[in-house]
PDB file of all heavy atoms in Angstrom:
ATOM      1  N   GLU A   1       0.811  -1.202   0.008  1.00  0.00           N
ATOM      2  CA  GLU A   1      -0.012  -0.009  -0.003  1.00  0.00           C
ATOM      3  C   GLU A   1       0.889   1.268  -0.001  1.00  0.00           C
ATOM      4  O   GLU A   1       1.939   1.288   0.614  1.00  0.00           O
ATOM      5  CB  GLU A   1      -0.916   0.030   1.230  1.00  0.00           C
ATOM      6  CG  GLU A   1      -0.253   0.064   2.522  1.00  0.00           C
ATOM      7  CD  GLU A   1      -1.242   0.198   3.711  1.00  0.00           C
ATOM      8  OE1 GLU A   1      -2.444   0.452   3.468  1.00  0.00           O
ATOM      9  OE2 GLU A   1      -0.778   0.112   4.858  1.00  0.00           O
ATOM     10  N   PHE A   2       0.367   2.310  -0.675  1.00  0.00           N
ATOM     11  CA  PHE A   2       1.009   3.588  -0.712  1.00  0.00           C
ATOM     12  C   PHE A   2       0.986   4.221   0.696  1.00  0.00           C
ATOM     13  O   PHE A   2      -0.033   4.127   1.363  1.00  0.00           O
ATOM     14  CB  PHE A   2       0.277   4.453  -1.704  1.00  0.00           C
ATOM     15  CG  PHE A   2       0.592   5.946  -1.612  1.00  0.00           C
ATOM     16  CD1 PHE A   2       1.760   6.399  -2.203  1.00  0.00           C
ATOM     17  CD2 PHE A   2      -0.199   6.831  -0.969  1.00  0.00           C
ATOM     18  CE1 PHE A   2       2.103   7.753  -2.125  1.00  0.00           C
ATOM     19  CE2 PHE A   2       0.097   8.116  -0.857  1.00  0.00           C
ATOM     20  CZ  PHE A   2       1.247   8.620  -1.467  1.00  0.00           C
ATOM     21  N   VAL A   3       2.071   4.803   1.060  1.00  0.00           N
ATOM     22  CA  VAL A   3       2.184   5.550   2.357  1.00  0.00           C
ATOM     23  C   VAL A   3       2.288   7.048   2.144  1.00  0.00           C
ATOM     24  O   VAL A   3       1.516   7.822   2.730  1.00  0.00           O
ATOM     25  CB  VAL A   3       3.327   4.966   3.195  1.00  0.00           C
ATOM     26  CG1 VAL A   3       3.522   5.803   4.442  1.00  0.00           C
ATOM     27  CG2 VAL A   3       3.116   3.508   3.533  1.00  0.00           C
ATOM     28  N   ALA A   4       3.297   7.450   1.401  1.00  0.00           N
ATOM     29  CA  ALA A   4       3.571   8.862   1.176  1.00  0.00           C
ATOM     30  C   ALA A   4       4.353   9.081  -0.063  1.00  0.00           C
ATOM     31  O   ALA A   4       5.108   8.243  -0.520  1.00  0.00           O
ATOM     32  CB  ALA A   4       4.327   9.401   2.405  1.00  0.00           C
ATOM     33  N   GLY A   5       4.174  10.295  -0.657  1.00  0.00           N
ATOM     34  CA  GLY A   5       4.946  10.692  -1.863  1.00  0.00           C
ATOM     35  C   GLY A   5       5.368  12.094  -1.773  1.00  0.00           C
ATOM     36  O   GLY A   5       4.760  12.896  -1.040  1.00  0.00           O
ATOM     37  N   ILE A   6       6.408  12.443  -2.537  1.00  0.00           N
ATOM     38  CA  ILE A   6       6.934  13.778  -2.510  1.00  0.00           C
ATOM     39  C   ILE A   6       7.436  14.177  -3.900  1.00  0.00           C
ATOM     40  O   ILE A   6       7.953  13.342  -4.620  1.00  0.00           O
ATOM     41  CB  ILE A   6       8.063  13.923  -1.438  1.00  0.00           C
ATOM     42  CG1 ILE A   6       8.466  15.380  -1.248  1.00  0.00           C
ATOM     43  CG2 ILE A   6       9.253  13.044  -1.804  1.00  0.00           C
ATOM     44  CD1 ILE A   6       9.316  15.583  -0.012  1.00  0.00           C
ATOM     45  N   SER A   7       7.177  15.427  -4.283  1.00  0.00           N
ATOM     46  CA  SER A   7       7.564  15.867  -5.631  1.00  0.00           C
ATOM     47  C   SER A   7       9.071  16.129  -5.738  1.00  0.00           C
ATOM     48  O   SER A   7       9.815  16.004  -4.764  1.00  0.00           O
ATOM     49  CB  SER A   7       6.794  17.212  -5.929  1.00  0.00           C
ATOM     50  OG  SER A   7       7.210  18.215  -4.935  1.00  0.00           O
ATOM     51  N   TRP A   8       9.488  16.411  -6.971  1.00  0.00           N
ATOM     52  CA  TRP A   8      10.862  16.568  -7.228  1.00  0.00           C
ATOM     53  C   TRP A   8      11.561  17.522  -6.290  1.00  0.00           C
ATOM     54  O   TRP A   8      12.654  17.249  -5.756  1.00  0.00           O
ATOM     55  CB  TRP A   8      11.193  17.103  -8.673  1.00  0.00           C
ATOM     56  CG  TRP A   8      10.454  16.398  -9.723  1.00  0.00           C
ATOM     57  CD1 TRP A   8      10.150  15.099  -9.826  1.00  0.00           C
ATOM     58  CD2 TRP A   8       9.861  17.016 -10.916  1.00  0.00           C
ATOM     59  NE1 TRP A   8       9.490  14.816 -10.998  1.00  0.00           N
ATOM     60  CE2 TRP A   8       9.260  15.966 -11.708  1.00  0.00           C
ATOM     61  CE3 TRP A   8       9.800  18.325 -11.412  1.00  0.00           C
ATOM     62  CZ2 TRP A   8       8.655  16.215 -12.894  1.00  0.00           C
ATOM     63  CZ3 TRP A   8       9.170  18.542 -12.623  1.00  0.00           C
ATOM     64  CH2 TRP A   8       8.601  17.508 -13.328  1.00  0.00           C
ATOM     65  N   GLY A   9      10.983  18.691  -6.100  1.00  0.00           N
ATOM     66  CA  GLY A   9      11.608  19.742  -5.288  1.00  0.00           C
ATOM     67  C   GLY A   9      11.186  19.681  -3.821  1.00  0.00           C
ATOM     68  O   GLY A   9      11.666  20.485  -3.004  1.00  0.00           O
ATOM     69  N   GLY A  10      10.280  18.761  -3.488  1.00  0.00           N
ATOM     70  CA  GLY A  10       9.816  18.628  -2.094  1.00  0.00           C
ATOM     71  C   GLY A  10       8.726  19.576  -1.729  1.00  0.00           C
ATOM     72  O   GLY A  10       8.393  19.575  -0.534  1.00  0.00           O
ATOM     73  N   THR A  11       8.234  20.317  -2.665  1.00  0.00           N
ATOM     74  CA  THR A  11       7.165  21.312  -2.260  1.00  0.00           C
ATOM     75  C   THR A  11       5.787  20.708  -2.141  1.00  0.00           C
ATOM     76  O   THR A  11       4.905  21.293  -1.495  1.00  0.00           O
ATOM     77  CB  THR A  11       7.089  22.445  -3.303  1.00  0.00           C
ATOM     78  OG1 THR A  11       6.883  21.867  -4.590  1.00  0.00           O
ATOM     79  CG2 THR A  11       8.382  23.254  -3.365  1.00  0.00           C
ATOM     80  N   ARG A  12       5.575  19.532  -2.741  1.00  0.00           N
ATOM     81  CA  ARG A  12       4.236  18.850  -2.678  1.00  0.00           C
ATOM     82  C   ARG A  12       4.431  17.514  -2.041  1.00  0.00           C
ATOM     83  O   ARG A  12       5.297  16.704  -2.424  1.00  0.00           O
ATOM     84  CB  ARG A  12       3.631  18.784  -4.070  1.00  0.00           C
ATOM     85  CG  ARG A  12       3.209  20.109  -4.629  1.00  0.00           C
ATOM     86  CD  ARG A  12       2.568  19.928  -6.010  1.00  0.00           C
ATOM     87  NE  ARG A  12       3.496  19.410  -6.964  1.00  0.00           N
ATOM     88  CZ  ARG A  12       4.354  20.156  -7.660  1.00  0.00           C
ATOM     89  NH1 ARG A  12       4.447  21.438  -7.445  1.00  0.00           N
ATOM     90  NH2 ARG A  12       5.140  19.581  -8.547  1.00  0.00           N
ATOM     91  N   THR A  13       3.572  17.178  -1.093  1.00  0.00           N
ATOM     92  CA  THR A  13       3.613  15.932  -0.426  1.00  0.00           C
ATOM     93  C   THR A  13       2.238  15.335  -0.402  1.00  0.00           C
ATOM     94  O   THR A  13       1.196  16.018  -0.428  1.00  0.00           O
ATOM     95  CB  THR A  13       4.136  16.040   1.006  1.00  0.00           C
ATOM     96  OG1 THR A  13       3.310  16.988   1.745  1.00  0.00           O
ATOM     97  CG2 THR A  13       5.587  16.471   1.038  1.00  0.00           C
ATOM     98  N   TYR A  14       2.160  14.020  -0.354  1.00  0.00           N
ATOM     99  CA  TYR A  14       0.882  13.277  -0.383  1.00  0.00           C
ATOM    100  C   TYR A  14       0.968  12.107   0.594  1.00  0.00           C
ATOM    101  O   TYR A  14       2.034  11.509   0.786  1.00  0.00           O
ATOM    102  CB  TYR A  14       0.654  12.705  -1.802  1.00  0.00           C
ATOM    103  CG  TYR A  14       0.863  13.712  -2.884  1.00  0.00           C
ATOM    104  CD1 TYR A  14       2.122  13.927  -3.447  1.00  0.00           C
ATOM    105  CD2 TYR A  14      -0.184  14.472  -3.354  1.00  0.00           C
ATOM    106  CE1 TYR A  14       2.302  14.913  -4.434  1.00  0.00           C
ATOM    107  CE2 TYR A  14       0.008  15.440  -4.301  1.00  0.00           C
ATOM    108  CZ  TYR A  14       1.255  15.657  -4.900  1.00  0.00           C
ATOM    109  OH  TYR A  14       1.423  16.588  -5.864  1.00  0.00           O
ATOM    110  N   TYR A  15      -0.173  11.841   1.293  1.00  0.00           N
ATOM    111  CA  TYR A  15      -0.147  10.809   2.292  1.00  0.00           C
ATOM    112  C   TYR A  15      -1.413   9.963   2.166  1.00  0.00           C
ATOM    113  O   TYR A  15      -2.522  10.423   1.809  1.00  0.00           O
ATOM    114  CB  TYR A  15      -0.176  11.479   3.682  1.00  0.00           C
ATOM    115  CG  TYR A  15       1.056  12.272   3.967  1.00  0.00           C
ATOM    116  CD1 TYR A  15       1.111  13.640   3.719  1.00  0.00           C
ATOM    117  CD2 TYR A  15       2.214  11.670   4.457  1.00  0.00           C
ATOM    118  CE1 TYR A  15       2.255  14.407   4.035  1.00  0.00           C
ATOM    119  CE2 TYR A  15       3.336  12.374   4.711  1.00  0.00           C
ATOM    120  CZ  TYR A  15       3.395  13.773   4.474  1.00  0.00           C
ATOM    121  OH  TYR A  15       4.521  14.463   4.743  1.00  0.00           O
ATOM    122  N   ALA A  16      -1.228   8.684   2.563  1.00  0.00           N
ATOM    123  CA  ALA A  16      -2.427   7.840   2.740  1.00  0.00           C
ATOM    124  C   ALA A  16      -3.158   8.344   3.978  1.00  0.00           C
ATOM    125  O   ALA A  16      -2.575   8.857   4.972  1.00  0.00           O
ATOM    126  CB  ALA A  16      -1.951   6.403   3.017  1.00  0.00           C
ATOM    127  N   ASP A  17      -4.488   8.178   3.959  1.00  0.00           N
ATOM    128  CA  ASP A  17      -5.292   8.630   5.105  1.00  0.00           C
ATOM    129  C   ASP A  17      -4.860   7.992   6.369  1.00  0.00           C
ATOM    130  O   ASP A  17      -4.931   8.639   7.458  1.00  0.00           O
ATOM    131  CB  ASP A  17      -6.793   8.280   4.820  1.00  0.00           C
ATOM    132  CG  ASP A  17      -7.370   9.159   3.740  1.00  0.00           C
ATOM    133  OD1 ASP A  17      -6.770  10.202   3.434  1.00  0.00           O
ATOM    134  OD2 ASP A  17      -8.429   8.762   3.188  1.00  0.00           O
ATOM    135  N   SER A  18      -4.365   6.777   6.345  1.00  0.00           N
ATOM    136  CA  SER A  18      -4.023   6.010   7.555  1.00  0.00           C
ATOM    137  C   SER A  18      -2.845   6.609   8.258  1.00  0.00           C
ATOM    138  O   SER A  18      -2.598   6.294   9.450  1.00  0.00           O
ATOM    139  CB  SER A  18      -3.737   4.549   7.227  1.00  0.00           C
ATOM    140  OG  SER A  18      -2.712   4.416   6.292  1.00  0.00           O
ATOM    141  N   VAL A  19      -2.023   7.417   7.602  1.00  0.00           N
ATOM    142  CA  VAL A  19      -0.823   7.961   8.203  1.00  0.00           C
ATOM    143  C   VAL A  19      -0.828   9.493   8.330  1.00  0.00           C
ATOM    144  O   VAL A  19       0.120  10.057   8.911  1.00  0.00           O
ATOM    145  CB  VAL A  19       0.426   7.513   7.485  1.00  0.00           C
ATOM    146  CG1 VAL A  19       0.438   5.986   7.352  1.00  0.00           C
ATOM    147  CG2 VAL A  19       0.614   8.168   6.114  1.00  0.00           C
ATOM    148  N   LYS A  20      -1.822  10.134   7.781  1.00  0.00           N
ATOM    149  CA  LYS A  20      -1.897  11.626   7.815  1.00  0.00           C
ATOM    150  C   LYS A  20      -1.846  12.109   9.242  1.00  0.00           C
ATOM    151  O   LYS A  20      -2.518  11.612  10.110  1.00  0.00           O
ATOM    152  CB  LYS A  20      -3.167  12.111   7.148  1.00  0.00           C
ATOM    153  CG  LYS A  20      -3.090  12.210   5.660  1.00  0.00           C
ATOM    154  CD  LYS A  20      -4.379  12.748   5.040  1.00  0.00           C
ATOM    155  CE  LYS A  20      -4.320  12.753   3.545  1.00  0.00           C
ATOM    156  NZ  LYS A  20      -5.579  13.158   2.922  1.00  0.00           N
ATOM    157  N   GLY A  21      -1.015  13.106   9.462  1.00  0.00           N
ATOM    158  CA  GLY A  21      -0.910  13.675  10.829  1.00  0.00           C
ATOM    159  C   GLY A  21       0.108  12.959  11.716  1.00  0.00           C
ATOM    160  O   GLY A  21       0.471  13.474  12.762  1.00  0.00           O
ATOM    161  N   ARG A  22       0.570  11.778  11.287  1.00  0.00           N
ATOM    162  CA  ARG A  22       1.551  11.039  12.058  1.00  0.00           C
ATOM    163  C   ARG A  22       2.925  10.863  11.298  1.00  0.00           C
ATOM    164  O   ARG A  22       3.984  10.874  11.960  1.00  0.00           O
ATOM    165  CB  ARG A  22       1.040   9.634  12.380  1.00  0.00           C
ATOM    166  CG  ARG A  22      -0.263   9.676  13.153  1.00  0.00           C
ATOM    167  CD  ARG A  22      -0.634   8.274  13.606  1.00  0.00           C
ATOM    168  NE  ARG A  22      -0.878   7.382  12.521  1.00  0.00           N
ATOM    169  CZ  ARG A  22      -0.236   6.230  12.263  1.00  0.00           C
ATOM    170  NH1 ARG A  22       0.732   5.848  13.140  1.00  0.00           N
ATOM    171  NH2 ARG A  22      -0.550   5.412  11.256  1.00  0.00           N
ATOM    172  N   PHE A  23       2.834  10.745  10.010  1.00  0.00           N
ATOM    173  CA  PHE A  23       4.078  10.548   9.202  1.00  0.00           C
ATOM    174  C   PHE A  23       4.343  11.806   8.419  1.00  0.00           C
ATOM    175  O   PHE A  23       3.438  12.512   7.970  1.00  0.00           O
ATOM    176  CB  PHE A  23       3.868   9.384   8.214  1.00  0.00           C
ATOM    177  CG  PHE A  23       3.781   8.020   8.839  1.00  0.00           C
ATOM    178  CD1 PHE A  23       3.675   7.801  10.201  1.00  0.00           C
ATOM    179  CD2 PHE A  23       3.878   6.883   8.033  1.00  0.00           C
ATOM    180  CE1 PHE A  23       3.590   6.575  10.775  1.00  0.00           C
ATOM    181  CE2 PHE A  23       3.840   5.634   8.571  1.00  0.00           C
ATOM    182  CZ  PHE A  23       3.625   5.457   9.937  1.00  0.00           C
ATOM    183  N   THR A  24       5.661  12.060   8.203  1.00  0.00           N
ATOM    184  CA  THR A  24       6.079  13.206   7.363  1.00  0.00           C
ATOM    185  C   THR A  24       7.177  12.755   6.413  1.00  0.00           C
ATOM    186  O   THR A  24       8.210  12.181   6.843  1.00  0.00           O
ATOM    187  CB  THR A  24       6.647  14.307   8.207  1.00  0.00           C
ATOM    188  OG1 THR A  24       5.652  14.770   9.155  1.00  0.00           O
ATOM    189  CG2 THR A  24       7.043  15.501   7.342  1.00  0.00           C
ATOM    190  N   ILE A  25       6.957  12.980   5.122  1.00  0.00           N
ATOM    191  CA  ILE A  25       7.960  12.698   4.125  1.00  0.00           C
ATOM    192  C   ILE A  25       8.705  13.956   3.797  1.00  0.00           C
ATOM    193  O   ILE A  25       8.085  15.048   3.697  1.00  0.00           O
ATOM    194  CB  ILE A  25       7.304  12.049   2.842  1.00  0.00           C
ATOM    195  CG1 ILE A  25       8.387  11.566   1.877  1.00  0.00           C
ATOM    196  CG2 ILE A  25       6.331  13.014   2.195  1.00  0.00           C
ATOM    197  CD1 ILE A  25       7.824  10.720   0.711  1.00  0.00           C
ATOM    198  N   SER A  26       9.991  13.822   3.596  1.00  0.00           N
ATOM    199  CA  SER A  26      10.831  14.994   3.192  1.00  0.00           C
ATOM    200  C   SER A  26      11.985  14.483   2.378  1.00  0.00           C
ATOM    201  O   SER A  26      12.286  13.306   2.329  1.00  0.00           O
ATOM    202  CB  SER A  26      11.316  15.742   4.454  1.00  0.00           C
ATOM    203  OG  SER A  26      12.148  14.919   5.242  1.00  0.00           O
ATOM    204  N   ARG A  27      12.695  15.439   1.748  1.00  0.00           N
ATOM    205  CA  ARG A  27      13.862  15.015   0.957  1.00  0.00           C
ATOM    206  C   ARG A  27      14.978  16.118   1.067  1.00  0.00           C
ATOM    207  O   ARG A  27      14.640  17.267   1.238  1.00  0.00           O
ATOM    208  CB  ARG A  27      13.466  14.792  -0.508  1.00  0.00           C
ATOM    209  CG  ARG A  27      12.994  16.004  -1.255  1.00  0.00           C
ATOM    210  CD  ARG A  27      12.367  15.608  -2.606  1.00  0.00           C
ATOM    211  NE  ARG A  27      13.392  15.027  -3.511  1.00  0.00           N
ATOM    212  CZ  ARG A  27      13.051  14.332  -4.591  1.00  0.00           C
ATOM    213  NH1 ARG A  27      11.784  14.124  -4.902  1.00  0.00           N
ATOM    214  NH2 ARG A  27      14.018  13.852  -5.336  1.00  0.00           N
ATOM    215  N   ASP A  28      16.163  15.640   0.865  1.00  0.00           N
ATOM    216  CA  ASP A  28      17.308  16.531   0.824  1.00  0.00           C
ATOM    217  C   ASP A  28      18.059  16.210  -0.522  1.00  0.00           C
ATOM    218  O   ASP A  28      18.768  15.192  -0.584  1.00  0.00           O
ATOM    219  CB  ASP A  28      18.243  16.283   2.020  1.00  0.00           C
ATOM    220  CG  ASP A  28      19.411  17.252   2.051  1.00  0.00           C
ATOM    221  OD1 ASP A  28      19.737  17.822   1.024  1.00  0.00           O
ATOM    222  OD2 ASP A  28      19.974  17.456   3.132  1.00  0.00           O
ATOM    223  N   ASN A  29      17.805  16.971  -1.496  1.00  0.00           N
ATOM    224  CA  ASN A  29      18.405  16.685  -2.830  1.00  0.00           C
ATOM    225  C   ASN A  29      19.891  16.786  -2.849  1.00  0.00           C
ATOM    226  O   ASN A  29      20.556  16.151  -3.628  1.00  0.00           O
ATOM    227  CB  ASN A  29      17.773  17.615  -3.901  1.00  0.00           C
ATOM    228  CG  ASN A  29      16.323  17.159  -4.232  1.00  0.00           C
ATOM    229  OD1 ASN A  29      15.885  16.111  -3.869  1.00  0.00           O
ATOM    230  ND2 ASN A  29      15.612  18.056  -4.904  1.00  0.00           N
ATOM    231  N   ALA A  30      20.474  17.599  -1.955  1.00  0.00           N
ATOM    232  CA  ALA A  30      21.957  17.683  -1.868  1.00  0.00           C
ATOM    233  C   ALA A  30      22.556  16.376  -1.370  1.00  0.00           C
ATOM    234  O   ALA A  30      23.728  16.108  -1.655  1.00  0.00           O
ATOM    235  CB  ALA A  30      22.345  18.837  -0.969  1.00  0.00           C
ATOM    236  N   LYS A  31      21.745  15.660  -0.600  1.00  0.00           N
ATOM    237  CA  LYS A  31      22.268  14.378  -0.041  1.00  0.00           C
ATOM    238  C   LYS A  31      21.677  13.165  -0.729  1.00  0.00           C
ATOM    239  O   LYS A  31      21.906  12.018  -0.305  1.00  0.00           O
ATOM    240  CB  LYS A  31      21.930  14.296   1.452  1.00  0.00           C
ATOM    241  CG  LYS A  31      22.662  15.352   2.288  1.00  0.00           C
ATOM    242  CD  LYS A  31      22.306  15.187   3.748  1.00  0.00           C
ATOM    243  CE  LYS A  31      23.065  16.212   4.588  1.00  0.00           C
ATOM    244  NZ  LYS A  31      22.740  16.085   6.055  1.00  0.00           N
ATOM    245  N   ASN A  32      20.899  13.406  -1.799  1.00  0.00           N
ATOM    246  CA  ASN A  32      20.264  12.290  -2.513  1.00  0.00           C
ATOM    247  C   ASN A  32      19.485  11.368  -1.575  1.00  0.00           C
ATOM    248  O   ASN A  32      19.499  10.130  -1.712  1.00  0.00           O
ATOM    249  CB  ASN A  32      21.301  11.419  -3.272  1.00  0.00           C
ATOM    250  CG  ASN A  32      21.779  12.147  -4.509  1.00  0.00           C
ATOM    251  OD1 ASN A  32      21.525  13.273  -4.808  1.00  0.00           O
ATOM    252  ND2 ASN A  32      22.547  11.419  -5.323  1.00  0.00           N
TER     253      ASN A  32
END
């Protein structure tokens, strides 16, 4: 099942309802 997704630049994030408010997706493109 899908949990979370994030756009190329990290400005848009998406979450499954089951994890909203508890999980946070993020990215650091400088660190891959």
